[in-house]
Amino acid sequence: MPNEQGRYTKAEVVVSGLPYFIPSSSRWTSRPYPYAILLSKTRCEQYNVPTAEGEQPAAFLYAANAGRGTDDLRHRYVPLYDRTRELQNRADVRLIPRELMRSTD
């Protein structure tokens, strides 16, 4: 169950079996998708492809600073949503490396 900000604990992420990205090492824990555009809820809204009510994440992003200044330092994984179909052919999309999963890189 995510917290009020929508973040998950490591235990919840591991149980989900979904991949997660670790920015400090610039790597995905696994690459189950040959090619995927994976965005946070905020980035989905930025590109006008918002998440649907009850939509489940396709992956996660470890956010080391999540929860700083609060009592909750356990919920540090941000859900990512698959927007490959909607964004792969749009010229206005500028992805950062962690938003793109490719099995060949």
PDB file of N, CA and C in Angstrom:
ATOM      1  N   MET A   1       0.851  -1.179   0.000  1.00  0.00           N
ATOM      2  CA  MET A   1       0.000   0.000   0.000  1.00  0.00           C
ATOM      3  C   MET A   1       0.896   1.242   0.000  1.00  0.00           C
ATOM      4  N   PRO A   2       0.718   2.112  -0.950  1.00  0.00           N
ATOM      5  CA  PRO A   2       1.523   3.338  -0.955  1.00  0.00           C
ATOM      6  C   PRO A   2       1.108   4.273   0.178  1.00  0.00           C
ATOM      7  N   ASN A   3       2.025   5.183   0.517  1.00  0.00           N
ATOM      8  CA  ASN A   3       1.697   6.171   1.543  1.00  0.00           C
ATOM      9  C   ASN A   3       0.860   7.293   0.923  1.00  0.00           C
ATOM     10  N   GLU A   4       0.616   8.368   1.677  1.00  0.00           N
ATOM     11  CA  GLU A   4      -0.239   9.465   1.208  1.00  0.00           C
ATOM     12  C   GLU A   4       0.324  10.157  -0.035  1.00  0.00           C
ATOM     13  N   GLN A   5       1.644  10.152  -0.193  1.00  0.00           N
ATOM     14  CA  GLN A   5       2.281  10.773  -1.356  1.00  0.00           C
ATOM     15  C   GLN A   5       2.369   9.809  -2.541  1.00  0.00           C
ATOM     16  N   GLY A   6       1.923   8.583  -2.359  1.00  0.00           N
ATOM     17  CA  GLY A   6       1.928   7.605  -3.437  1.00  0.00           C
ATOM     18  C   GLY A   6       3.220   6.815  -3.558  1.00  0.00           C
ATOM     19  N   ARG A   7       4.129   6.951  -2.596  1.00  0.00           N
ATOM     20  CA  ARG A   7       5.399   6.218  -2.639  1.00  0.00           C
ATOM     21  C   ARG A   7       5.270   4.873  -1.915  1.00  0.00           C
ATOM     22  N   TYR A   8       6.158   3.943  -2.297  1.00  0.00           N
ATOM     23  CA  TYR A   8       6.144   2.583  -1.771  1.00  0.00           C
ATOM     24  C   TYR A   8       7.415   2.297  -0.967  1.00  0.00           C
ATOM     25  N   THR A   9       7.359   1.264  -0.131  1.00  0.00           N
ATOM     26  CA  THR A   9       8.536   0.805   0.601  1.00  0.00           C
ATOM     27  C   THR A   9       9.306  -0.186  -0.277  1.00  0.00           C
ATOM     28  N   LYS A  10      10.549  -0.459   0.087  1.00  0.00           N
ATOM     29  CA  LYS A  10      11.331  -1.427  -0.666  1.00  0.00           C
ATOM     30  C   LYS A  10      10.687  -2.804  -0.613  1.00  0.00           C
ATOM     31  N   ALA A  11      10.185  -3.194   0.540  1.00  0.00           N
ATOM     32  CA  ALA A  11       9.546  -4.503   0.670  1.00  0.00           C
ATOM     33  C   ALA A  11       8.361  -4.633  -0.290  1.00  0.00           C
ATOM     34  N   GLU A  12       7.562  -3.587  -0.415  1.00  0.00           N
ATOM     35  CA  GLU A  12       6.417  -3.616  -1.327  1.00  0.00           C
ATOM     36  C   GLU A  12       6.874  -3.729  -2.780  1.00  0.00           C
ATOM     37  N   VAL A  13       7.951  -3.029  -3.115  1.00  0.00           N
ATOM     38  CA  VAL A  13       8.480  -3.065  -4.480  1.00  0.00           C
ATOM     39  C   VAL A  13       9.029  -4.450  -4.794  1.00  0.00           C
ATOM     40  N   VAL A  14       9.776  -5.034  -3.878  1.00  0.00           N
ATOM     41  CA  VAL A  14      10.343  -6.366  -4.097  1.00  0.00           C
ATOM     42  C   VAL A  14       9.236  -7.401  -4.269  1.00  0.00           C
ATOM     43  N   VAL A  15       8.216  -7.345  -3.442  1.00  0.00           N
ATOM     44  CA  VAL A  15       7.096  -8.281  -3.537  1.00  0.00           C
ATOM     45  C   VAL A  15       6.360  -8.127  -4.871  1.00  0.00           C
ATOM     46  N   SER A  16       6.294  -6.916  -5.395  1.00  0.00           N
ATOM     47  CA  SER A  16       5.592  -6.680  -6.668  1.00  0.00           C
ATOM     48  C   SER A  16       6.255  -7.415  -7.829  1.00  0.00           C
ATOM     49  N   GLY A  17       7.562  -7.648  -7.735  1.00  0.00           N
ATOM     50  CA  GLY A  17       8.288  -8.296  -8.814  1.00  0.00           C
ATOM     51  C   GLY A  17       8.601  -7.380  -9.981  1.00  0.00           C
ATOM     52  N   LEU A  18       8.226  -6.104  -9.892  1.00  0.00           N
ATOM     53  CA  LEU A  18       8.480  -5.142 -10.958  1.00  0.00           C
ATOM     54  C   LEU A  18       9.902  -4.590 -10.856  1.00  0.00           C
ATOM     55  N   PRO A  19      10.473  -4.167 -11.978  1.00  0.00           N
ATOM     56  CA  PRO A  19      11.820  -3.600 -11.944  1.00  0.00           C
ATOM     57  C   PRO A  19      11.822  -2.233 -11.265  1.00  0.00           C
ATOM     58  N   TYR A  20      12.990  -1.856 -10.735  1.00  0.00           N
ATOM     59  CA  TYR A  20      13.135  -0.498 -10.221  1.00  0.00           C
ATOM     60  C   TYR A  20      14.490   0.048 -10.635  1.00  0.00           C
ATOM     61  N   PHE A  21      14.520   1.368 -10.785  1.00  0.00           N
ATOM     62  CA  PHE A  21      15.720   2.061 -11.233  1.00  0.00           C
ATOM     63  C   PHE A  21      16.421   2.668 -10.031  1.00  0.00           C
ATOM     64  N   ILE A  22      17.752   2.473  -9.978  1.00  0.00           N
ATOM     65  CA  ILE A  22      18.570   3.026  -8.892  1.00  0.00           C
ATOM     66  C   ILE A  22      19.454   4.109  -9.505  1.00  0.00           C
ATOM     67  N   PRO A  23      19.130   5.385  -9.294  1.00  0.00           N
ATOM     68  CA  PRO A  23      19.879   6.478  -9.925  1.00  0.00           C
ATOM     69  C   PRO A  23      21.367   6.504  -9.597  1.00  0.00           C
ATOM     70  N   SER A  24      21.754   6.164  -8.385  1.00  0.00           N
ATOM     71  CA  SER A  24      23.173   6.238  -8.015  1.00  0.00           C
ATOM     72  C   SER A  24      24.040   5.284  -8.837  1.00  0.00           C
ATOM     73  N   SER A  25      23.447   4.192  -9.309  1.00  0.00           N
ATOM     74  CA  SER A  25      24.202   3.245 -10.137  1.00  0.00           C
ATOM     75  C   SER A  25      23.759   3.285 -11.601  1.00  0.00           C
ATOM     76  N   SER A  26      22.770   4.118 -11.905  1.00  0.00           N
ATOM     77  CA  SER A  26      22.225   4.249 -13.267  1.00  0.00           C
ATOM     78  C   SER A  26      21.835   2.902 -13.875  1.00  0.00           C
ATOM     79  N   ARG A  27      21.170   2.073 -13.079  1.00  0.00           N
ATOM     80  CA  ARG A  27      20.780   0.763 -13.607  1.00  0.00           C
ATOM     81  C   ARG A  27      19.394   0.352 -13.137  1.00  0.00           C
ATOM     82  N   TRP A  28      18.799  -0.505 -13.972  1.00  0.00           N
ATOM     83  CA  TRP A  28      17.533  -1.145 -13.641  1.00  0.00           C
ATOM     84  C   TRP A  28      17.857  -2.478 -12.975  1.00  0.00           C
ATOM     85  N   THR A  29      17.021  -2.903 -12.050  1.00  0.00           N
ATOM     86  CA  THR A  29      17.246  -4.189 -11.386  1.00  0.00           C
ATOM     87  C   THR A  29      16.965  -5.350 -12.326  1.00  0.00           C
ATOM     88  N   SER A  30      16.096  -5.131 -13.305  1.00  0.00           N
ATOM     89  CA  SER A  30      15.828  -6.118 -14.351  1.00  0.00           C
ATOM     90  C   SER A  30      15.255  -5.367 -15.543  1.00  0.00           C
ATOM     91  N   ARG A  31      15.243  -6.016 -16.695  1.00  0.00           N
ATOM     92  CA  ARG A  31      14.716  -5.373 -17.906  1.00  0.00           C
ATOM     93  C   ARG A  31      13.688  -6.302 -18.568  1.00  0.00           C
ATOM     94  N   PRO A  32      12.491  -6.364 -18.017  1.00  0.00           N
ATOM     95  CA  PRO A  32      11.480  -7.256 -18.587  1.00  0.00           C
ATOM     96  C   PRO A  32      10.843  -6.726 -19.872  1.00  0.00           C
ATOM     97  N   TYR A  33      11.031  -5.440 -20.146  1.00  0.00           N
ATOM     98  CA  TYR A  33      10.453  -4.850 -21.341  1.00  0.00           C
ATOM     99  C   TYR A  33      11.577  -4.573 -22.339  1.00  0.00           C
ATOM    100  N   PRO A  34      11.460  -5.029 -23.584  1.00  0.00           N
ATOM    101  CA  PRO A  34      12.513  -4.760 -24.575  1.00  0.00           C
ATOM    102  C   PRO A  34      12.686  -3.267 -24.811  1.00  0.00           C
ATOM    103  N   TYR A  35      11.585  -2.519 -24.715  1.00  0.00           N
ATOM    104  CA  TYR A  35      11.617  -1.069 -24.874  1.00  0.00           C
ATOM    105  C   TYR A  35      10.414  -0.518 -24.128  1.00  0.00           C
ATOM    106  N   ALA A  36      10.645   0.472 -23.270  1.00  0.00           N
ATOM    107  CA  ALA A  36       9.534   1.064 -22.531  1.00  0.00           C
ATOM    108  C   ALA A  36       9.853   2.492 -22.128  1.00  0.00           C
ATOM    109  N   ILE A  37       8.828   3.327 -22.183  1.00  0.00           N
ATOM    110  CA  ILE A  37       8.902   4.681 -21.654  1.00  0.00           C
ATOM    111  C   ILE A  37       8.137   4.645 -20.346  1.00  0.00           C
ATOM    112  N   LEU A  38       8.836   4.880 -19.254  1.00  0.00           N
ATOM    113  CA  LEU A  38       8.273   4.750 -17.915  1.00  0.00           C
ATOM    114  C   LEU A  38       8.360   6.091 -17.199  1.00  0.00           C
ATOM    115  N   LEU A  39       7.204   6.673 -16.895  1.00  0.00           N
ATOM    116  CA  LEU A  39       7.155   8.014 -16.330  1.00  0.00           C
ATOM    117  C   LEU A  39       6.462   8.050 -14.975  1.00  0.00           C
ATOM    118  N   SER A  40       6.883   9.012 -14.160  1.00  0.00           N
ATOM    119  CA  SER A  40       6.205   9.257 -12.891  1.00  0.00           C
ATOM    120  C   SER A  40       4.854   9.912 -13.173  1.00  0.00           C
ATOM    121  N   LYS A  41       4.025   9.982 -12.180  1.00  0.00           N
ATOM    122  CA  LYS A  41       2.700  10.587 -12.338  1.00  0.00           C
ATOM    123  C   LYS A  41       2.825  12.039 -12.793  1.00  0.00           C
ATOM    124  N   THR A  42       3.773  12.760 -12.234  1.00  0.00           N
ATOM    125  CA  THR A  42       3.985  14.159 -12.593  1.00  0.00           C
ATOM    126  C   THR A  42       4.396  14.301 -14.055  1.00  0.00           C
ATOM    127  N   ARG A  43       5.308  13.456 -14.507  1.00  0.00           N
ATOM    128  CA  ARG A  43       5.752  13.519 -15.902  1.00  0.00           C
ATOM    129  C   ARG A  43       4.633  13.076 -16.855  1.00  0.00           C
ATOM    130  N   CYS A  44       3.802  12.133 -16.441  1.00  0.00           N
ATOM    131  CA  CYS A  44       2.650  11.750 -17.260  1.00  0.00           C
ATOM    132  C   CYS A  44       1.743  12.962 -17.475  1.00  0.00           C
ATOM    133  N   GLU A  45       1.486  13.699 -16.413  1.00  0.00           N
ATOM    134  CA  GLU A  45       0.647  14.892 -16.512  1.00  0.00           C
ATOM    135  C   GLU A  45       1.307  15.945 -17.390  1.00  0.00           C
ATOM    136  N   GLN A  46       2.620  16.100 -17.289  1.00  0.00           N
ATOM    137  CA  GLN A  46       3.350  17.075 -18.091  1.00  0.00           C
ATOM    138  C   GLN A  46       3.164  16.809 -19.586  1.00  0.00           C
ATOM    139  N   TYR A  47       3.133  15.551 -19.988  1.00  0.00           N
ATOM    140  CA  TYR A  47       2.966  15.177 -21.390  1.00  0.00           C
ATOM    141  C   TYR A  47       1.509  14.909 -21.762  1.00  0.00           C
ATOM    142  N   ASN A  48       0.594  15.275 -20.882  1.00  0.00           N
ATOM    143  CA  ASN A  48      -0.840  15.157 -21.130  1.00  0.00           C
ATOM    144  C   ASN A  48      -1.289  13.713 -21.378  1.00  0.00           C
ATOM    145  N   VAL A  49      -0.693  12.789 -20.640  1.00  0.00           N
ATOM    146  CA  VAL A  49      -1.116  11.391 -20.649  1.00  0.00           C
ATOM    147  C   VAL A  49      -1.244  10.939 -19.180  1.00  0.00           C
ATOM    148  N   PRO A  50      -2.214  11.526 -18.456  1.00  0.00           N
ATOM    149  CA  PRO A  50      -2.327  11.281 -17.022  1.00  0.00           C
ATOM    150  C   PRO A  50      -2.634   9.832 -16.677  1.00  0.00           C
ATOM    151  N   THR A  51      -2.348   9.492 -15.445  1.00  0.00           N
ATOM    152  CA  THR A  51      -2.645   8.142 -14.963  1.00  0.00           C
ATOM    153  C   THR A  51      -4.142   8.018 -14.702  1.00  0.00           C
ATOM    154  N   ALA A  52      -4.647   6.826 -14.892  1.00  0.00           N
ATOM    155  CA  ALA A  52      -6.065   6.556 -14.645  1.00  0.00           C
ATOM    156  C   ALA A  52      -6.259   6.174 -13.179  1.00  0.00           C
ATOM    157  N   GLU A  53      -7.453   6.391 -12.682  1.00  0.00           N
ATOM    158  CA  GLU A  53      -7.792   6.002 -11.315  1.00  0.00           C
ATOM    159  C   GLU A  53      -7.547   4.508 -11.144  1.00  0.00           C
ATOM    160  N   GLY A  54      -6.748   4.135 -10.167  1.00  0.00           N
ATOM    161  CA  GLY A  54      -6.457   2.733  -9.896  1.00  0.00           C
ATOM    162  C   GLY A  54      -5.422   2.103 -10.813  1.00  0.00           C
ATOM    163  N   GLU A  55      -4.805   2.882 -11.705  1.00  0.00           N
ATOM    164  CA  GLU A  55      -3.790   2.333 -12.609  1.00  0.00           C
ATOM    165  C   GLU A  55      -2.597   1.822 -11.808  1.00  0.00           C
ATOM    166  N   GLN A  56      -2.135   0.648 -12.164  1.00  0.00           N
ATOM    167  CA  GLN A  56      -1.023   0.029 -11.454  1.00  0.00           C
ATOM    168  C   GLN A  56       0.309   0.414 -12.102  1.00  0.00           C
ATOM    169  N   PRO A  57       1.364   0.576 -11.295  1.00  0.00           N
ATOM    170  CA  PRO A  57       2.669   0.917 -11.858  1.00  0.00           C
ATOM    171  C   PRO A  57       3.258  -0.222 -12.686  1.00  0.00           C
ATOM    172  N   ALA A  58       4.162   0.150 -13.600  1.00  0.00           N
ATOM    173  CA  ALA A  58       4.877  -0.831 -14.420  1.00  0.00           C
ATOM    174  C   ALA A  58       6.300  -1.011 -13.915  1.00  0.00           C
ATOM    175  N   ALA A  59       6.772  -0.067 -13.090  1.00  0.00           N
ATOM    176  CA  ALA A  59       8.127  -0.092 -12.540  1.00  0.00           C
ATOM    177  C   ALA A  59       8.188   0.944 -11.426  1.00  0.00           C
ATOM    178  N   PHE A  60       9.378   1.066 -10.816  1.00  0.00           N
ATOM    179  CA  PHE A  60       9.566   2.023  -9.734  1.00  0.00           C
ATOM    180  C   PHE A  60      10.902   2.742  -9.880  1.00  0.00           C
ATOM    181  N   LEU A  61      10.997   3.893  -9.227  1.00  0.00           N
ATOM    182  CA  LEU A  61      12.223   4.681  -9.180  1.00  0.00           C
ATOM    183  C   LEU A  61      12.598   4.885  -7.724  1.00  0.00           C
ATOM    184  N   TYR A  62      13.834   4.528  -7.365  1.00  0.00           N
ATOM    185  CA  TYR A  62      14.304   4.765  -5.999  1.00  0.00           C
ATOM    186  C   TYR A  62      14.627   6.246  -5.856  1.00  0.00           C
ATOM    187  N   ALA A  63      14.030   6.903  -4.870  1.00  0.00           N
ATOM    188  CA  ALA A  63      14.256   8.324  -4.600  1.00  0.00           C
ATOM    189  C   ALA A  63      14.874   8.464  -3.221  1.00  0.00           C
ATOM    190  N   ALA A  64      16.185   8.610  -3.177  1.00  0.00           N
ATOM    191  CA  ALA A  64      16.914   8.644  -1.907  1.00  0.00           C
ATOM    192  C   ALA A  64      16.453   9.771  -0.983  1.00  0.00           C
ATOM    193  N   ASN A  65      16.023  10.888  -1.534  1.00  0.00           N
ATOM    194  CA  ASN A  65      15.606  12.029  -0.715  1.00  0.00           C
ATOM    195  C   ASN A  65      14.134  12.009  -0.333  1.00  0.00           C
ATOM    196  N   ALA A  66      13.397  11.041  -0.786  1.00  0.00           N
ATOM    197  CA  ALA A  66      11.967  10.970  -0.477  1.00  0.00           C
ATOM    198  C   ALA A  66      11.756  10.847   1.025  1.00  0.00           C
ATOM    199  N   GLY A  67      10.861  11.645   1.534  1.00  0.00           N
ATOM    200  CA  GLY A  67      10.534  11.591   2.952  1.00  0.00           C
ATOM    201  C   GLY A  67      11.436  12.416   3.851  1.00  0.00           C
ATOM    202  N   ARG A  68      12.447  13.045   3.292  1.00  0.00           N
ATOM    203  CA  ARG A  68      13.318  13.891   4.122  1.00  0.00           C
ATOM    204  C   ARG A  68      12.496  14.977   4.788  1.00  0.00           C
ATOM    205  N   GLY A  69      12.797  15.231   6.049  1.00  0.00           N
ATOM    206  CA  GLY A  69      12.072  16.241   6.804  1.00  0.00           C
ATOM    207  C   GLY A  69      10.763  15.738   7.386  1.00  0.00           C
ATOM    208  N   THR A  70      10.501  14.431   7.245  1.00  0.00           N
ATOM    209  CA  THR A  70       9.288  13.835   7.810  1.00  0.00           C
ATOM    210  C   THR A  70       9.689  12.631   8.666  1.00  0.00           C
ATOM    211  N   ASP A  71       8.721  12.015   9.262  1.00  0.00           N
ATOM    212  CA  ASP A  71       8.970  10.804  10.050  1.00  0.00           C
ATOM    213  C   ASP A  71       8.989   9.555   9.175  1.00  0.00           C
ATOM    214  N   ASP A  72       8.644   9.687   7.903  1.00  0.00           N
ATOM    215  CA  ASP A  72       8.527   8.532   7.016  1.00  0.00           C
ATOM    216  C   ASP A  72       9.714   8.457   6.054  1.00  0.00           C
ATOM    217  N   LEU A  73      10.713   7.683   6.422  1.00  0.00           N
ATOM    218  CA  LEU A  73      11.873   7.487   5.559  1.00  0.00           C
ATOM    219  C   LEU A  73      11.857   6.103   4.910  1.00  0.00           C
ATOM    220  N   ARG A  74      10.782   5.369   5.074  1.00  0.00           N
ATOM    221  CA  ARG A  74      10.681   4.033   4.494  1.00  0.00           C
ATOM    222  C   ARG A  74      10.109   4.048   3.083  1.00  0.00           C
ATOM    223  N   HIS A  75       9.225   4.961   2.793  1.00  0.00           N
ATOM    224  CA  HIS A  75       8.551   5.025   1.487  1.00  0.00           C
ATOM    225  C   HIS A  75       9.388   5.861   0.521  1.00  0.00           C
ATOM    226  N   ARG A  76      10.322   5.210  -0.163  1.00  0.00           N
ATOM    227  CA  ARG A  76      11.255   5.922  -1.032  1.00  0.00           C
ATOM    228  C   ARG A  76      11.186   5.498  -2.495  1.00  0.00           C
ATOM    229  N   TYR A  77      10.186   4.760  -2.868  1.00  0.00           N
ATOM    230  CA  TYR A  77      10.072   4.281  -4.250  1.00  0.00           C
ATOM    231  C   TYR A  77       8.861   4.920  -4.926  1.00  0.00           C
ATOM    232  N   VAL A  78       9.132   5.631  -6.009  1.00  0.00           N
ATOM    233  CA  VAL A  78       8.103   6.336  -6.767  1.00  0.00           C
ATOM    234  C   VAL A  78       7.591   5.406  -7.877  1.00  0.00           C
ATOM    235  N   PRO A  79       6.282   5.266  -8.020  1.00  0.00           N
ATOM    236  CA  PRO A  79       5.758   4.419  -9.088  1.00  0.00           C
ATOM    237  C   PRO A  79       5.963   5.060 -10.462  1.00  0.00           C
ATOM    238  N   LEU A  80       6.238   4.221 -11.451  1.00  0.00           N
ATOM    239  CA  LEU A  80       6.391   4.659 -12.840  1.00  0.00           C
ATOM    240  C   LEU A  80       5.341   3.958 -13.685  1.00  0.00           C
ATOM    241  N   TYR A  81       4.824   4.682 -14.661  1.00  0.00           N
ATOM    242  CA  TYR A  81       3.737   4.169 -15.487  1.00  0.00           C
ATOM    243  C   TYR A  81       4.187   4.070 -16.943  1.00  0.00           C
ATOM    244  N   ASP A  82       3.781   3.003 -17.595  1.00  0.00           N
ATOM    245  CA  ASP A  82       4.174   2.757 -18.978  1.00  0.00           C
ATOM    246  C   ASP A  82       3.399   3.670 -19.921  1.00  0.00           C
ATOM    247  N   ARG A  83       4.135   4.499 -20.638  1.00  0.00           N
ATOM    248  CA  ARG A  83       3.544   5.409 -21.622  1.00  0.00           C
ATOM    249  C   ARG A  83       4.199   5.225 -22.990  1.00  0.00           C
ATOM    250  N   THR A  84       4.692   4.019 -23.251  1.00  0.00           N
ATOM    251  CA  THR A  84       5.378   3.720 -24.500  1.00  0.00           C
ATOM    252  C   THR A  84       4.463   3.969 -25.700  1.00  0.00           C
ATOM    253  N   ARG A  85       3.297   3.392 -25.686  1.00  0.00           N
ATOM    254  CA  ARG A  85       2.371   3.498 -26.819  1.00  0.00           C
ATOM    255  C   ARG A  85       1.995   4.955 -27.097  1.00  0.00           C
ATOM    256  N   GLU A  86       1.772   5.731 -26.054  1.00  0.00           N
ATOM    257  CA  GLU A  86       1.320   7.105 -26.218  1.00  0.00           C
ATOM    258  C   GLU A  86       2.424   8.068 -26.654  1.00  0.00           C
ATOM    259  N   LEU A  87       3.680   7.785 -26.266  1.00  0.00           N
ATOM    260  CA  LEU A  87       4.736   8.779 -26.460  1.00  0.00           C
ATOM    261  C   LEU A  87       5.851   8.394 -27.425  1.00  0.00           C
ATOM    262  N   GLN A  88       5.927   7.155 -27.861  1.00  0.00           N
ATOM    263  CA  GLN A  88       7.093   6.728 -28.627  1.00  0.00           C
ATOM    264  C   GLN A  88       7.279   7.465 -29.941  1.00  0.00           C
ATOM    265  N   ASN A  89       6.235   7.995 -30.538  1.00  0.00           N
ATOM    266  CA  ASN A  89       6.367   8.686 -31.827  1.00  0.00           C
ATOM    267  C   ASN A  89       6.159  10.191 -31.736  1.00  0.00           C
ATOM    268  N   ARG A  90       6.143  10.729 -30.530  1.00  0.00           N
ATOM    269  CA  ARG A  90       5.942  12.170 -30.374  1.00  0.00           C
ATOM    270  C   ARG A  90       7.278  12.896 -30.390  1.00  0.00           C
ATOM    271  N   ALA A  91       7.388  13.894 -31.230  1.00  0.00           N
ATOM    272  CA  ALA A  91       8.636  14.658 -31.386  1.00  0.00           C
ATOM    273  C   ALA A  91       8.908  15.586 -30.205  1.00  0.00           C
ATOM    274  N   ASP A  92       7.887  15.968 -29.449  1.00  0.00           N
ATOM    275  CA  ASP A  92       8.063  16.913 -28.346  1.00  0.00           C
ATOM    276  C   ASP A  92       8.532  16.252 -27.049  1.00  0.00           C
ATOM    277  N   VAL A  93       8.707  14.952 -27.037  1.00  0.00           N
ATOM    278  CA  VAL A  93       9.078  14.226 -25.819  1.00  0.00           C
ATOM    279  C   VAL A  93      10.597  14.231 -25.636  1.00  0.00           C
ATOM    280  N   ARG A  94      11.038  14.716 -24.493  1.00  0.00           N
ATOM    281  CA  ARG A  94      12.451  14.735 -24.120  1.00  0.00           C
ATOM    282  C   ARG A  94      12.612  13.919 -22.846  1.00  0.00           C
ATOM    283  N   LEU A  95      13.085  12.703 -23.006  1.00  0.00           N
ATOM    284  CA  LEU A  95      13.216  11.786 -21.871  1.00  0.00           C
ATOM    285  C   LEU A  95      14.579  11.897 -21.232  1.00  0.00           C
ATOM    286  N   ILE A  96      14.604  11.674 -19.926  1.00  0.00           N
ATOM    287  CA  ILE A  96      15.874  11.548 -19.224  1.00  0.00           C
ATOM    288  C   ILE A  96      16.196  10.053 -19.169  1.00  0.00           C
ATOM    289  N   PRO A  97      17.460   9.678 -19.050  1.00  0.00           N
ATOM    290  CA  PRO A  97      17.840   8.255 -19.160  1.00  0.00           C
ATOM    291  C   PRO A  97      17.021   7.283 -18.302  1.00  0.00           C
ATOM    292  N   ARG A  98      16.669   7.665 -17.100  1.00  0.00           N
ATOM    293  CA  ARG A  98      15.944   6.731 -16.235  1.00  0.00           C
ATOM    294  C   ARG A  98      14.500   6.503 -16.670  1.00  0.00           C
ATOM    295  N   GLU A  99      13.998   7.296 -17.609  1.00  0.00           N
ATOM    296  CA  GLU A  99      12.630   7.128 -18.081  1.00  0.00           C
ATOM    297  C   GLU A  99      12.525   6.181 -19.279  1.00  0.00           C
ATOM    298  N   LEU A 100      13.653   5.711 -19.736  1.00  0.00           N
ATOM    299  CA  LEU A 100      13.678   4.843 -20.904  1.00  0.00           C
ATOM    300  C   LEU A 100      14.351   3.512 -20.559  1.00  0.00           C
ATOM    301  N   MET A 101      13.635   2.433 -20.804  1.00  0.00           N
ATOM    302  CA  MET A 101      14.205   1.102 -20.578  1.00  0.00           C
ATOM    303  C   MET A 101      14.405   0.445 -21.940  1.00  0.00           C
ATOM    304  N   ARG A 102      15.629   0.028 -22.182  1.00  0.00           N
ATOM    305  CA  ARG A 102      15.947  -0.715 -23.408  1.00  0.00           C
ATOM    306  C   ARG A 102      16.792  -1.898 -23.002  1.00  0.00           C
ATOM    307  N   SER A 103      16.518  -3.041 -23.561  1.00  0.00           N
ATOM    308  CA  SER A 103      17.279  -4.244 -23.207  1.00  0.00           C
ATOM    309  C   SER A 103      18.650  -4.280 -23.885  1.00  0.00           C
ATOM    310  N   THR A 104      18.889  -3.401 -24.853  1.00  0.00           N
ATOM    311  CA  THR A 104      20.158  -3.415 -25.575  1.00  0.00           C
ATOM    312  C   THR A 104      21.189  -2.450 -25.010  1.00  0.00           C
ATOM    313  N   ASP A 105      20.840  -1.576 -24.078  1.00  0.00           N
ATOM    314  CA  ASP A 105      21.834  -0.611 -23.579  1.00  0.00           C
ATOM    315  C   ASP A 105      22.630  -1.116 -22.421  1.00  0.00           C
TER     316      ASP A 105
END
